[in-house]
Amino acid sequence: MVVGFNTDVKYRSEVFHVQTEEKGADNPIIETLVYHRGEILLSRKLSYSKLLNSSDLLRKLRRMMKVQHDDLISELRKGKFTHLLSLDTQEIEEQTLDEMVSEYLNENELVF
C-alpha cells in the first residue's frame, strides 16, 4: 500500500480537504475525496488493475495518485465544483441573491 496525499485548499472563503489514497491490490482503486465542512463533496476513482503485474508498479501508482490529486485540486481552484455547494456557503461577489432574483424577474417579464 502506498501512502496517500492530503491537502487543504482554500477557495474563496471556504476550505476544502482533498484526500487521495489507494485501496490495495485486492481492490486496485485510486480514490480522491473532496471534503467540505466534514462532508464528502465529491469522489473520483480510477482503477489500476491493469498495472498489477508491472515491474515498477509502486512508481507508476504513486505518479497516478499524485496526478489525480493535483488535477482535482486544480479543478477545485478553478471553481469547477462550486455548483455542488449549497447556496448558503457560496459567496456572491457582486450582487446579493435578492438583487439577482429581481434582475431575473425583470429580464424575463414575470408578473405575479
PDB file of N, CA and C in Angstrom:
ATOM      1  N   MET A   1       0.837  -1.177   0.000  1.00  0.00           N
ATOM      2  CA  MET A   1       0.000   0.000   0.000  1.00  0.00           C
ATOM      3  C   MET A   1       0.887   1.246   0.000  1.00  0.00           C
ATOM      4  N   VAL A   2       0.494   2.225  -0.816  1.00  0.00           N
ATOM      5  CA  VAL A   2       1.245   3.461  -0.960  1.00  0.00           C
ATOM      6  C   VAL A   2       0.624   4.537  -0.074  1.00  0.00           C
ATOM      7  N   VAL A   3       1.467   5.323   0.576  1.00  0.00           N
ATOM      8  CA  VAL A   3       0.974   6.426   1.409  1.00  0.00           C
ATOM      9  C   VAL A   3       0.303   7.450   0.505  1.00  0.00           C
ATOM     10  N   GLY A   4      -0.850   7.944   0.930  1.00  0.00           N
ATOM     11  CA  GLY A   4      -1.634   8.870   0.124  1.00  0.00           C
ATOM     12  C   GLY A   4      -1.248  10.325   0.322  1.00  0.00           C
ATOM     13  N   PHE A   5      -2.109  11.193  -0.201  1.00  0.00           N
ATOM     14  CA  PHE A   5      -1.895  12.634  -0.147  1.00  0.00           C
ATOM     15  C   PHE A   5      -3.084  13.291   0.539  1.00  0.00           C
ATOM     16  N   ASN A   6      -2.820  14.327   1.305  1.00  0.00           N
ATOM     17  CA  ASN A   6      -3.845  15.128   1.973  1.00  0.00           C
ATOM     18  C   ASN A   6      -3.482  16.596   1.826  1.00  0.00           C
ATOM     19  N   THR A   7      -4.432  17.383   1.328  1.00  0.00           N
ATOM     20  CA  THR A   7      -4.179  18.799   1.109  1.00  0.00           C
ATOM     21  C   THR A   7      -5.414  19.604   1.468  1.00  0.00           C
ATOM     22  N   ASP A   8      -5.229  20.684   2.219  1.00  0.00           N
ATOM     23  CA  ASP A   8      -6.302  21.638   2.458  1.00  0.00           C
ATOM     24  C   ASP A   8      -6.192  22.733   1.407  1.00  0.00           C
ATOM     25  N   VAL A   9      -7.324  23.054   0.786  1.00  0.00           N
ATOM     26  CA  VAL A   9      -7.352  24.037  -0.292  1.00  0.00           C
ATOM     27  C   VAL A   9      -8.357  25.117   0.069  1.00  0.00           C
ATOM     28  N   LYS A  10      -7.929  26.368   0.026  1.00  0.00           N
ATOM     29  CA  LYS A  10      -8.853  27.471   0.261  1.00  0.00           C
ATOM     30  C   LYS A  10      -9.317  27.995  -1.085  1.00  0.00           C
ATOM     31  N   TYR A  11     -10.626  28.060  -1.258  1.00  0.00           N
ATOM     32  CA  TYR A  11     -11.222  28.627  -2.463  1.00  0.00           C
ATOM     33  C   TYR A  11     -12.279  29.616  -2.014  1.00  0.00           C
ATOM     34  N   ARG A  12     -12.124  30.858  -2.432  1.00  0.00           N
ATOM     35  CA  ARG A  12     -12.939  31.963  -1.928  1.00  0.00           C
ATOM     36  C   ARG A  12     -12.790  31.971  -0.411  1.00  0.00           C
ATOM     37  N   SER A  13     -13.844  31.870   0.326  1.00  0.00           N
ATOM     38  CA  SER A  13     -13.703  31.874   1.787  1.00  0.00           C
ATOM     39  C   SER A  13     -13.884  30.480   2.383  1.00  0.00           C
ATOM     40  N   GLU A  14     -13.956  29.464   1.551  1.00  0.00           N
ATOM     41  CA  GLU A  14     -14.196  28.101   2.010  1.00  0.00           C
ATOM     42  C   GLU A  14     -12.911  27.271   1.990  1.00  0.00           C
ATOM     43  N   VAL A  15     -12.805  26.325   2.922  1.00  0.00           N
ATOM     44  CA  VAL A  15     -11.668  25.412   2.965  1.00  0.00           C
ATOM     45  C   VAL A  15     -12.163  24.012   2.621  1.00  0.00           C
ATOM     46  N   PHE A  16     -11.464  23.383   1.694  1.00  0.00           N
ATOM     47  CA  PHE A  16     -11.772  22.032   1.256  1.00  0.00           C
ATOM     48  C   PHE A  16     -10.591  21.139   1.601  1.00  0.00           C
ATOM     49  N   HIS A  17     -10.884  19.897   1.958  1.00  0.00           N
ATOM     50  CA  HIS A  17      -9.822  18.927   2.228  1.00  0.00           C
ATOM     51  C   HIS A  17      -9.846  17.899   1.101  1.00  0.00           C
ATOM     52  N   VAL A  18      -8.719  17.715   0.449  1.00  0.00           N
ATOM     53  CA  VAL A  18      -8.593  16.763  -0.650  1.00  0.00           C
ATOM     54  C   VAL A  18      -7.718  15.614  -0.172  1.00  0.00           C
ATOM     55  N   GLN A  19      -8.236  14.391  -0.293  1.00  0.00           N
ATOM     56  CA  GLN A  19      -7.542  13.206   0.200  1.00  0.00           C
ATOM     57  C   GLN A  19      -7.490  12.163  -0.912  1.00  0.00           C
ATOM     58  N   THR A  20      -6.290  11.674  -1.216  1.00  0.00           N
ATOM     59  CA  THR A  20      -6.121  10.642  -2.241  1.00  0.00           C
ATOM     60  C   THR A  20      -5.431   9.447  -1.610  1.00  0.00           C
ATOM     61  N   GLU A  21      -5.985   8.268  -1.863  1.00  0.00           N
ATOM     62  CA  GLU A  21      -5.389   7.036  -1.347  1.00  0.00           C
ATOM     63  C   GLU A  21      -5.645   5.909  -2.333  1.00  0.00           C
ATOM     64  N   GLU A  22      -4.856   4.853  -2.195  1.00  0.00           N
ATOM     65  CA  GLU A  22      -5.108   3.660  -2.988  1.00  0.00           C
ATOM     66  C   GLU A  22      -5.585   2.578  -2.046  1.00  0.00           C
ATOM     67  N   LYS A  23      -6.407   1.677  -2.582  1.00  0.00           N
ATOM     68  CA  LYS A  23      -7.112   0.716  -1.732  1.00  0.00           C
ATOM     69  C   LYS A  23      -6.416  -0.636  -1.601  1.00  0.00           C
ATOM     70  N   GLY A  24      -5.251  -0.819  -2.214  1.00  0.00           N
ATOM     71  CA  GLY A  24      -4.513  -2.077  -2.100  1.00  0.00           C
ATOM     72  C   GLY A  24      -4.780  -2.997  -3.280  1.00  0.00           C
ATOM     73  N   ALA A  25      -3.937  -4.009  -3.430  1.00  0.00           N
ATOM     74  CA  ALA A  25      -4.003  -4.918  -4.580  1.00  0.00           C
ATOM     75  C   ALA A  25      -5.315  -5.694  -4.652  1.00  0.00           C
ATOM     76  N   ASP A  26      -5.950  -5.946  -3.522  1.00  0.00           N
ATOM     77  CA  ASP A  26      -7.234  -6.654  -3.531  1.00  0.00           C
ATOM     78  C   ASP A  26      -8.372  -5.791  -4.065  1.00  0.00           C
ATOM     79  N   ASN A  27      -8.194  -4.500  -4.037  1.00  0.00           N
ATOM     80  CA  ASN A  27      -9.168  -3.529  -4.546  1.00  0.00           C
ATOM     81  C   ASN A  27      -8.378  -2.415  -5.231  1.00  0.00           C
ATOM     82  N   PRO A  28      -7.830  -2.687  -6.430  1.00  0.00           N
ATOM     83  CA  PRO A  28      -6.888  -1.762  -7.065  1.00  0.00           C
ATOM     84  C   PRO A  28      -7.537  -0.485  -7.596  1.00  0.00           C
ATOM     85  N   ILE A  29      -7.844   0.391  -6.667  1.00  0.00           N
ATOM     86  CA  ILE A  29      -8.513   1.651  -6.973  1.00  0.00           C
ATOM     87  C   ILE A  29      -7.731   2.796  -6.339  1.00  0.00           C
ATOM     88  N   ILE A  30      -7.589   3.876  -7.085  1.00  0.00           N
ATOM     89  CA  ILE A  30      -7.101   5.137  -6.527  1.00  0.00           C
ATOM     90  C   ILE A  30      -8.347   5.993  -6.323  1.00  0.00           C
ATOM     91  N   GLU A  31      -8.544   6.462  -5.104  1.00  0.00           N
ATOM     92  CA  GLU A  31      -9.731   7.264  -4.802  1.00  0.00           C
ATOM     93  C   GLU A  31      -9.316   8.615  -4.238  1.00  0.00           C
ATOM     94  N   THR A  32      -9.899   9.654  -4.797  1.00  0.00           N
ATOM     95  CA  THR A  32      -9.695  11.008  -4.287  1.00  0.00           C
ATOM     96  C   THR A  32     -11.041  11.528  -3.805  1.00  0.00           C
ATOM     97  N   LEU A  33     -11.062  11.984  -2.569  1.00  0.00           N
ATOM     98  CA  LEU A  33     -12.269  12.537  -1.960  1.00  0.00           C
ATOM     99  C   LEU A  33     -12.048  14.014  -1.672  1.00  0.00           C
ATOM    100  N   VAL A  34     -13.093  14.801  -1.872  1.00  0.00           N
ATOM    101  CA  VAL A  34     -13.052  16.215  -1.509  1.00  0.00           C
ATOM    102  C   VAL A  34     -14.081  16.413  -0.406  1.00  0.00           C
ATOM    103  N   TYR A  35     -13.594  16.891   0.738  1.00  0.00           N
ATOM    104  CA  TYR A  35     -14.454  17.150   1.887  1.00  0.00           C
ATOM    105  C   TYR A  35     -14.680  18.652   2.018  1.00  0.00           C
ATOM    106  N   HIS A  36     -15.893  18.996   2.417  1.00  0.00           N
ATOM    107  CA  HIS A  36     -16.221  20.380   2.723  1.00  0.00           C
ATOM    108  C   HIS A  36     -17.053  20.375   3.992  1.00  0.00           C
ATOM    109  N   ARG A  37     -16.549  21.032   5.007  1.00  0.00           N
ATOM    110  CA  ARG A  37     -17.219  21.082   6.317  1.00  0.00           C
ATOM    111  C   ARG A  37     -17.531  19.683   6.846  1.00  0.00           C
ATOM    112  N   GLY A  38     -16.596  18.756   6.656  1.00  0.00           N
ATOM    113  CA  GLY A  38     -16.718  17.410   7.196  1.00  0.00           C
ATOM    114  C   GLY A  38     -17.529  16.436   6.361  1.00  0.00           C
ATOM    115  N   GLU A  39     -18.123  16.904   5.288  1.00  0.00           N
ATOM    116  CA  GLU A  39     -18.919  16.038   4.425  1.00  0.00           C
ATOM    117  C   GLU A  39     -18.201  15.820   3.099  1.00  0.00           C
ATOM    118  N   ILE A  40     -18.394  14.641   2.526  1.00  0.00           N
ATOM    119  CA  ILE A  40     -17.803  14.365   1.225  1.00  0.00           C
ATOM    120  C   ILE A  40     -18.586  15.123   0.168  1.00  0.00           C
ATOM    121  N   LEU A  41     -17.891  15.994  -0.538  1.00  0.00           N
ATOM    122  CA  LEU A  41     -18.492  16.795  -1.595  1.00  0.00           C
ATOM    123  C   LEU A  41     -18.480  16.022  -2.911  1.00  0.00           C
ATOM    124  N   LEU A  42     -17.390  15.310  -3.169  1.00  0.00           N
ATOM    125  CA  LEU A  42     -17.300  14.501  -4.382  1.00  0.00           C
ATOM    126  C   LEU A  42     -16.193  13.483  -4.228  1.00  0.00           C
ATOM    127  N   SER A  43     -16.229  12.465  -5.111  1.00  0.00           N
ATOM    128  CA  SER A  43     -15.167  11.482  -5.138  1.00  0.00           C
ATOM    129  C   SER A  43     -14.835  11.152  -6.583  1.00  0.00           C
ATOM    130  N   ARG A  44     -13.598  10.786  -6.786  1.00  0.00           N
ATOM    131  CA  ARG A  44     -13.144  10.356  -8.111  1.00  0.00           C
ATOM    132  C   ARG A  44     -12.345   9.078  -7.914  1.00  0.00           C
ATOM    133  N   LYS A  45     -12.668   8.057  -8.714  1.00  0.00           N
ATOM    134  CA  LYS A  45     -11.995   6.768  -8.596  1.00  0.00           C
ATOM    135  C   LYS A  45     -11.366   6.382  -9.930  1.00  0.00           C
ATOM    136  N   LEU A  46     -10.223   5.715  -9.831  1.00  0.00           N
ATOM    137  CA  LEU A  46      -9.503   5.259 -11.012  1.00  0.00           C
ATOM    138  C   LEU A  46      -8.926   3.881 -10.711  1.00  0.00           C
ATOM    139  N   SER A  47      -9.206   2.911 -11.587  1.00  0.00           N
ATOM    140  CA  SER A  47      -8.681   1.555 -11.410  1.00  0.00           C
ATOM    141  C   SER A  47      -7.234   1.482 -11.910  1.00  0.00           C
ATOM    142  N   TYR A  48      -6.424   0.732 -11.190  1.00  0.00           N
ATOM    143  CA  TYR A  48      -5.070   0.464 -11.670  1.00  0.00           C
ATOM    144  C   TYR A  48      -4.838  -1.043 -11.818  1.00  0.00           C
ATOM    145  N   SER A  49      -5.913  -1.791 -12.014  1.00  0.00           N
ATOM    146  CA  SER A  49      -5.826  -3.250 -12.113  1.00  0.00           C
ATOM    147  C   SER A  49      -4.921  -3.717 -13.246  1.00  0.00           C
ATOM    148  N   LYS A  50      -4.851  -2.966 -14.341  1.00  0.00           N
ATOM    149  CA  LYS A  50      -4.004  -3.365 -15.474  1.00  0.00           C
ATOM    150  C   LYS A  50      -2.517  -3.217 -15.171  1.00  0.00           C
ATOM    151  N   LEU A  51      -2.198  -2.541 -14.093  1.00  0.00           N
ATOM    152  CA  LEU A  51      -0.789  -2.339 -13.735  1.00  0.00           C
ATOM    153  C   LEU A  51      -0.281  -3.315 -12.672  1.00  0.00           C
ATOM    154  N   LEU A  52      -1.143  -4.181 -12.165  1.00  0.00           N
ATOM    155  CA  LEU A  52      -0.771  -5.034 -11.028  1.00  0.00           C
ATOM    156  C   LEU A  52       0.465  -5.884 -11.286  1.00  0.00           C
ATOM    157  N   ASN A  53       0.710  -6.304 -12.514  1.00  0.00           N
ATOM    158  CA  ASN A  53       1.869  -7.145 -12.818  1.00  0.00           C
ATOM    159  C   ASN A  53       3.059  -6.343 -13.328  1.00  0.00           C
ATOM    160  N   SER A  54       2.964  -5.027 -13.261  1.00  0.00           N
ATOM    161  CA  SER A  54       4.034  -4.161 -13.730  1.00  0.00           C
ATOM    162  C   SER A  54       5.249  -4.253 -12.800  1.00  0.00           C
ATOM    163  N   SER A  55       6.443  -4.267 -13.386  1.00  0.00           N
ATOM    164  CA  SER A  55       7.664  -4.372 -12.582  1.00  0.00           C
ATOM    165  C   SER A  55       7.904  -3.113 -11.743  1.00  0.00           C
ATOM    166  N   ASP A  56       7.407  -1.977 -12.206  1.00  0.00           N
ATOM    167  CA  ASP A  56       7.585  -0.733 -11.448  1.00  0.00           C
ATOM    168  C   ASP A  56       6.225  -0.198 -10.977  1.00  0.00           C
ATOM    169  N   LEU A  57       5.415  -1.087 -10.455  1.00  0.00           N
ATOM    170  CA  LEU A  57       4.058  -0.749 -10.009  1.00  0.00           C
ATOM    171  C   LEU A  57       4.060   0.415  -9.018  1.00  0.00           C
ATOM    172  N   LEU A  58       4.901   0.372  -8.011  1.00  0.00           N
ATOM    173  CA  LEU A  58       4.867   1.414  -6.968  1.00  0.00           C
ATOM    174  C   LEU A  58       5.157   2.795  -7.538  1.00  0.00           C
ATOM    175  N   ARG A  59       6.113   2.893  -8.431  1.00  0.00           N
ATOM    176  CA  ARG A  59       6.442   4.187  -9.038  1.00  0.00           C
ATOM    177  C   ARG A  59       5.277   4.699  -9.876  1.00  0.00           C
ATOM    178  N   LYS A  60       4.699   3.827 -10.694  1.00  0.00           N
ATOM    179  CA  LYS A  60       3.568   4.220 -11.541  1.00  0.00           C
ATOM    180  C   LYS A  60       2.347   4.582 -10.698  1.00  0.00           C
ATOM    181  N   LEU A  61       2.106   3.789  -9.672  1.00  0.00           N
ATOM    182  CA  LEU A  61       0.958   4.031  -8.805  1.00  0.00           C
ATOM    183  C   LEU A  61       1.096   5.367  -8.086  1.00  0.00           C
ATOM    184  N   ARG A  62       2.266   5.628  -7.560  1.00  0.00           N
ATOM    185  CA  ARG A  62       2.500   6.896  -6.863  1.00  0.00           C
ATOM    186  C   ARG A  62       2.299   8.078  -7.815  1.00  0.00           C
ATOM    187  N   ARG A  63       2.781   7.944  -9.051  1.00  0.00           N
ATOM    188  CA  ARG A  63       2.628   9.009 -10.038  1.00  0.00           C
ATOM    189  C   ARG A  63       1.157   9.222 -10.389  1.00  0.00           C
ATOM    190  N   MET A  64       0.405   8.132 -10.593  1.00  0.00           N
ATOM    191  CA  MET A  64      -1.021   8.234 -10.904  1.00  0.00           C
ATOM    192  C   MET A  64      -1.782   8.919  -9.773  1.00  0.00           C
ATOM    193  N   MET A  65      -1.434   8.559  -8.544  1.00  0.00           N
ATOM    194  CA  MET A  65      -2.095   9.162  -7.391  1.00  0.00           C
ATOM    195  C   MET A  65      -1.823  10.661  -7.337  1.00  0.00           C
ATOM    196  N   LYS A  66      -0.570  11.047  -7.559  1.00  0.00           N
ATOM    197  CA  LYS A  66      -0.189  12.458  -7.497  1.00  0.00           C
ATOM    198  C   LYS A  66      -0.885  13.257  -8.597  1.00  0.00           C
ATOM    199  N   VAL A  67      -0.936  12.701  -9.805  1.00  0.00           N
ATOM    200  CA  VAL A  67      -1.588  13.393 -10.917  1.00  0.00           C
ATOM    201  C   VAL A  67      -3.076  13.572 -10.639  1.00  0.00           C
ATOM    202  N   GLN A  68      -3.752  12.504 -10.175  1.00  0.00           N
ATOM    203  CA  GLN A  68      -5.183  12.614  -9.877  1.00  0.00           C
ATOM    204  C   GLN A  68      -5.425  13.631  -8.767  1.00  0.00           C
ATOM    205  N   HIS A  69      -4.614  13.591  -7.732  1.00  0.00           N
ATOM    206  CA  HIS A  69      -4.748  14.510  -6.596  1.00  0.00           C
ATOM    207  C   HIS A  69      -4.572  15.965  -7.067  1.00  0.00           C
ATOM    208  N   ASP A  70      -3.498  16.209  -7.787  1.00  0.00           N
ATOM    209  CA  ASP A  70      -3.197  17.572  -8.247  1.00  0.00           C
ATOM    210  C   ASP A  70      -4.232  18.071  -9.260  1.00  0.00           C
ATOM    211  N   ASP A  71      -4.709  17.196 -10.139  1.00  0.00           N
ATOM    212  CA  ASP A  71      -5.721  17.592 -11.122  1.00  0.00           C
ATOM    213  C   ASP A  71      -7.013  18.023 -10.433  1.00  0.00           C
ATOM    214  N   LEU A  72      -7.426  17.273  -9.418  1.00  0.00           N
ATOM    215  CA  LEU A  72      -8.653  17.621  -8.726  1.00  0.00           C
ATOM    216  C   LEU A  72      -8.501  18.945  -7.980  1.00  0.00           C
ATOM    217  N   ILE A  73      -7.340  19.173  -7.378  1.00  0.00           N
ATOM    218  CA  ILE A  73      -7.080  20.450  -6.710  1.00  0.00           C
ATOM    219  C   ILE A  73      -7.148  21.593  -7.719  1.00  0.00           C
ATOM    220  N   SER A  74      -6.569  21.392  -8.875  1.00  0.00           N
ATOM    221  CA  SER A  74      -6.596  22.422  -9.922  1.00  0.00           C
ATOM    222  C   SER A  74      -8.028  22.730 -10.354  1.00  0.00           C
ATOM    223  N   GLU A  75      -8.831  21.697 -10.538  1.00  0.00           N
ATOM    224  CA  GLU A  75     -10.233  21.899 -10.908  1.00  0.00           C
ATOM    225  C   GLU A  75     -10.988  22.634  -9.809  1.00  0.00           C
ATOM    226  N   LEU A  76     -10.708  22.290  -8.569  1.00  0.00           N
ATOM    227  CA  LEU A  76     -11.345  22.940  -7.424  1.00  0.00           C
ATOM    228  C   LEU A  76     -10.996  24.426  -7.398  1.00  0.00           C
ATOM    229  N   ARG A  77      -9.729  24.746  -7.606  1.00  0.00           N
ATOM    230  CA  ARG A  77      -9.290  26.145  -7.589  1.00  0.00           C
ATOM    231  C   ARG A  77      -9.862  26.950  -8.749  1.00  0.00           C
ATOM    232  N   LYS A  78     -10.229  26.283  -9.822  1.00  0.00           N
ATOM    233  CA  LYS A  78     -10.842  26.959 -10.970  1.00  0.00           C
ATOM    234  C   LYS A  78     -12.352  27.129 -10.797  1.00  0.00           C
ATOM    235  N   GLY A  79     -12.898  26.624  -9.678  1.00  0.00           N
ATOM    236  CA  GLY A  79     -14.313  26.796  -9.392  1.00  0.00           C
ATOM    237  C   GLY A  79     -15.218  25.769 -10.044  1.00  0.00           C
ATOM    238  N   LYS A  80     -14.662  24.676 -10.510  1.00  0.00           N
ATOM    239  CA  LYS A  80     -15.448  23.681 -11.235  1.00  0.00           C
ATOM    240  C   LYS A  80     -16.548  23.039 -10.375  1.00  0.00           C
ATOM    241  N   PHE A  81     -16.376  22.995  -9.074  1.00  0.00           N
ATOM    242  CA  PHE A  81     -17.304  22.261  -8.219  1.00  0.00           C
ATOM    243  C   PHE A  81     -18.192  23.139  -7.343  1.00  0.00           C
ATOM    244  N   THR A  82     -18.194  24.451  -7.569  1.00  0.00           N
ATOM    245  CA  THR A  82     -18.992  25.325  -6.714  1.00  0.00           C
ATOM    246  C   THR A  82     -20.477  25.020  -6.814  1.00  0.00           C
ATOM    247  N   HIS A  83     -20.908  24.443  -7.917  1.00  0.00           N
ATOM    248  CA  HIS A  83     -22.324  24.098  -8.057  1.00  0.00           C
ATOM    249  C   HIS A  83     -22.741  23.012  -7.062  1.00  0.00           C
ATOM    250  N   LEU A  84     -21.789  22.318  -6.474  1.00  0.00           N
ATOM    251  CA  LEU A  84     -22.098  21.275  -5.503  1.00  0.00           C
ATOM    252  C   LEU A  84     -22.300  21.826  -4.090  1.00  0.00           C
ATOM    253  N   LEU A  85     -21.946  23.091  -3.891  1.00  0.00           N
ATOM    254  CA  LEU A  85     -22.128  23.722  -2.584  1.00  0.00           C
ATOM    255  C   LEU A  85     -23.544  24.248  -2.465  1.00  0.00           C
ATOM    256  N   SER A  86     -24.054  24.267  -1.258  1.00  0.00           N
ATOM    257  CA  SER A  86     -25.366  24.864  -1.055  1.00  0.00           C
ATOM    258  C   SER A  86     -25.243  26.370  -1.196  1.00  0.00           C
ATOM    259  N   LEU A  87     -26.330  27.032  -1.532  1.00  0.00           N
ATOM    260  CA  LEU A  87     -26.296  28.476  -1.748  1.00  0.00           C
ATOM    261  C   LEU A  87     -25.837  29.253  -0.530  1.00  0.00           C
ATOM    262  N   ASP A  88     -26.087  28.739   0.650  1.00  0.00           N
ATOM    263  CA  ASP A  88     -25.713  29.496   1.834  1.00  0.00           C
ATOM    264  C   ASP A  88     -24.211  29.507   2.076  1.00  0.00           C
ATOM    265  N   THR A  89     -23.439  28.682   1.372  1.00  0.00           N
ATOM    266  CA  THR A  89     -21.991  28.704   1.545  1.00  0.00           C
ATOM    267  C   THR A  89     -21.289  29.391   0.393  1.00  0.00           C
ATOM    268  N   GLN A  90     -21.987  29.673  -0.684  1.00  0.00           N
ATOM    269  CA  GLN A  90     -21.362  30.319  -1.833  1.00  0.00           C
ATOM    270  C   GLN A  90     -21.339  31.829  -1.633  1.00  0.00           C
ATOM    271  N   GLU A  91     -20.239  32.427  -1.995  1.00  0.00           N
ATOM    272  CA  GLU A  91     -20.154  33.877  -1.962  1.00  0.00           C
ATOM    273  C   GLU A  91     -20.704  34.421  -3.268  1.00  0.00           C
ATOM    274  N   ILE A  92     -21.529  35.421  -3.178  1.00  0.00           N
ATOM    275  CA  ILE A  92     -21.990  36.113  -4.370  1.00  0.00           C
ATOM    276  C   ILE A  92     -21.235  37.421  -4.389  1.00  0.00           C
ATOM    277  N   GLU A  93     -20.326  37.537  -5.355  1.00  0.00           N
ATOM    278  CA  GLU A  93     -19.330  38.593  -5.301  1.00  0.00           C
ATOM    279  C   GLU A  93     -19.873  39.988  -5.581  1.00  0.00           C
ATOM    280  N   GLU A  94     -20.744  40.141  -6.580  1.00  0.00           N
ATOM    281  CA  GLU A  94     -21.124  41.487  -6.967  1.00  0.00           C
ATOM    282  C   GLU A  94     -22.571  41.840  -6.645  1.00  0.00           C
ATOM    283  N   GLN A  95     -23.419  40.861  -6.447  1.00  0.00           N
ATOM    284  CA  GLN A  95     -24.829  41.120  -6.185  1.00  0.00           C
ATOM    285  C   GLN A  95     -25.308  40.253  -5.038  1.00  0.00           C
ATOM    286  N   THR A  96     -26.308  40.735  -4.360  1.00  0.00           N
ATOM    287  CA  THR A  96     -26.943  39.893  -3.361  1.00  0.00           C
ATOM    288  C   THR A  96     -27.903  38.959  -4.089  1.00  0.00           C
ATOM    289  N   LEU A  97     -28.327  37.916  -3.432  1.00  0.00           N
ATOM    290  CA  LEU A  97     -29.263  36.983  -4.023  1.00  0.00           C
ATOM    291  C   LEU A  97     -30.575  37.682  -4.382  1.00  0.00           C
ATOM    292  N   ASP A  98     -31.057  38.585  -3.521  1.00  0.00           N
ATOM    293  CA  ASP A  98     -32.294  39.316  -3.801  1.00  0.00           C
ATOM    294  C   ASP A  98     -32.170  40.154  -5.072  1.00  0.00           C
ATOM    295  N   GLU A  99     -31.015  40.800  -5.249  1.00  0.00           N
ATOM    296  CA  GLU A  99     -30.804  41.592  -6.454  1.00  0.00           C
ATOM    297  C   GLU A  99     -30.795  40.713  -7.695  1.00  0.00           C
ATOM    298  N   MET A 100     -30.192  39.535  -7.594  1.00  0.00           N
ATOM    299  CA  MET A 100     -30.141  38.626  -8.739  1.00  0.00           C
ATOM    300  C   MET A 100     -31.534  38.134  -9.115  1.00  0.00           C
ATOM    301  N   VAL A 101     -32.351  37.818  -8.108  1.00  0.00           N
ATOM    302  CA  VAL A 101     -33.719  37.362  -8.375  1.00  0.00           C
ATOM    303  C   VAL A 101     -34.529  38.483  -9.004  1.00  0.00           C
ATOM    304  N   SER A 102     -34.435  39.686  -8.458  1.00  0.00           N
ATOM    305  CA  SER A 102     -35.168  40.831  -9.022  1.00  0.00           C
ATOM    306  C   SER A 102     -34.757  41.079 -10.462  1.00  0.00           C
ATOM    307  N   GLU A 103     -33.465  41.039 -10.729  1.00  0.00           N
ATOM    308  CA  GLU A 103     -32.973  41.245 -12.087  1.00  0.00           C
ATOM    309  C   GLU A 103     -33.511  40.168 -13.034  1.00  0.00           C
ATOM    310  N   TYR A 104     -33.518  38.921 -12.563  1.00  0.00           N
ATOM    311  CA  TYR A 104     -34.038  37.818 -13.380  1.00  0.00           C
ATOM    312  C   TYR A 104     -35.521  38.022 -13.693  1.00  0.00           C
ATOM    313  N   LEU A 105     -36.273  38.380 -12.666  1.00  0.00           N
ATOM    314  CA  LEU A 105     -37.710  38.580 -12.857  1.00  0.00           C
ATOM    315  C   LEU A 105     -37.969  39.729 -13.834  1.00  0.00           C
ATOM    316  N   ASN A 106     -37.211  40.809 -13.723  1.00  0.00           N
ATOM    317  CA  ASN A 106     -37.367  41.952 -14.631  1.00  0.00           C
ATOM    318  C   ASN A 106     -37.005  41.583 -16.058  1.00  0.00           C
ATOM    319  N   GLU A 107     -35.920  40.841 -16.234  1.00  0.00           N
ATOM    320  CA  GLU A 107     -35.476  40.463 -17.583  1.00  0.00           C
ATOM    321  C   GLU A 107     -36.446  39.509 -18.253  1.00  0.00           C
ATOM    322  N   ASN A 108     -37.095  38.688 -17.471  1.00  0.00           N
ATOM    323  CA  ASN A 108     -37.987  37.688 -18.048  1.00  0.00           C
ATOM    324  C   ASN A 108     -39.469  38.092 -17.975  1.00  0.00           C
ATOM    325  N   GLU A 109     -39.712  39.319 -17.556  1.00  0.00           N
ATOM    326  CA  GLU A 109     -41.042  39.897 -17.510  1.00  0.00           C
ATOM    327  C   GLU A 109     -42.063  38.976 -16.834  1.00  0.00           C
ATOM    328  N   LEU A 110     -41.673  38.459 -15.717  1.00  0.00           N
ATOM    329  CA  LEU A 110     -42.589  37.608 -14.967  1.00  0.00           C
ATOM    330  C   LEU A 110     -43.468  38.493 -14.108  1.00  0.00           C
ATOM    331  N   VAL A 111     -44.751  38.263 -14.150  1.00  0.00           N
ATOM    332  CA  VAL A 111     -45.705  39.066 -13.403  1.00  0.00           C
ATOM    333  C   VAL A 111     -46.436  38.147 -12.428  1.00  0.00           C
ATOM    334  N   PHE A 112     -46.595  38.616 -11.218  1.00  0.00           N
ATOM    335  CA  PHE A 112     -47.320  37.836 -10.210  1.00  0.00           C
ATOM    336  C   PHE A 112     -48.613  38.512  -9.853  1.00  0.00           C
TER     337      PHE A 112
END
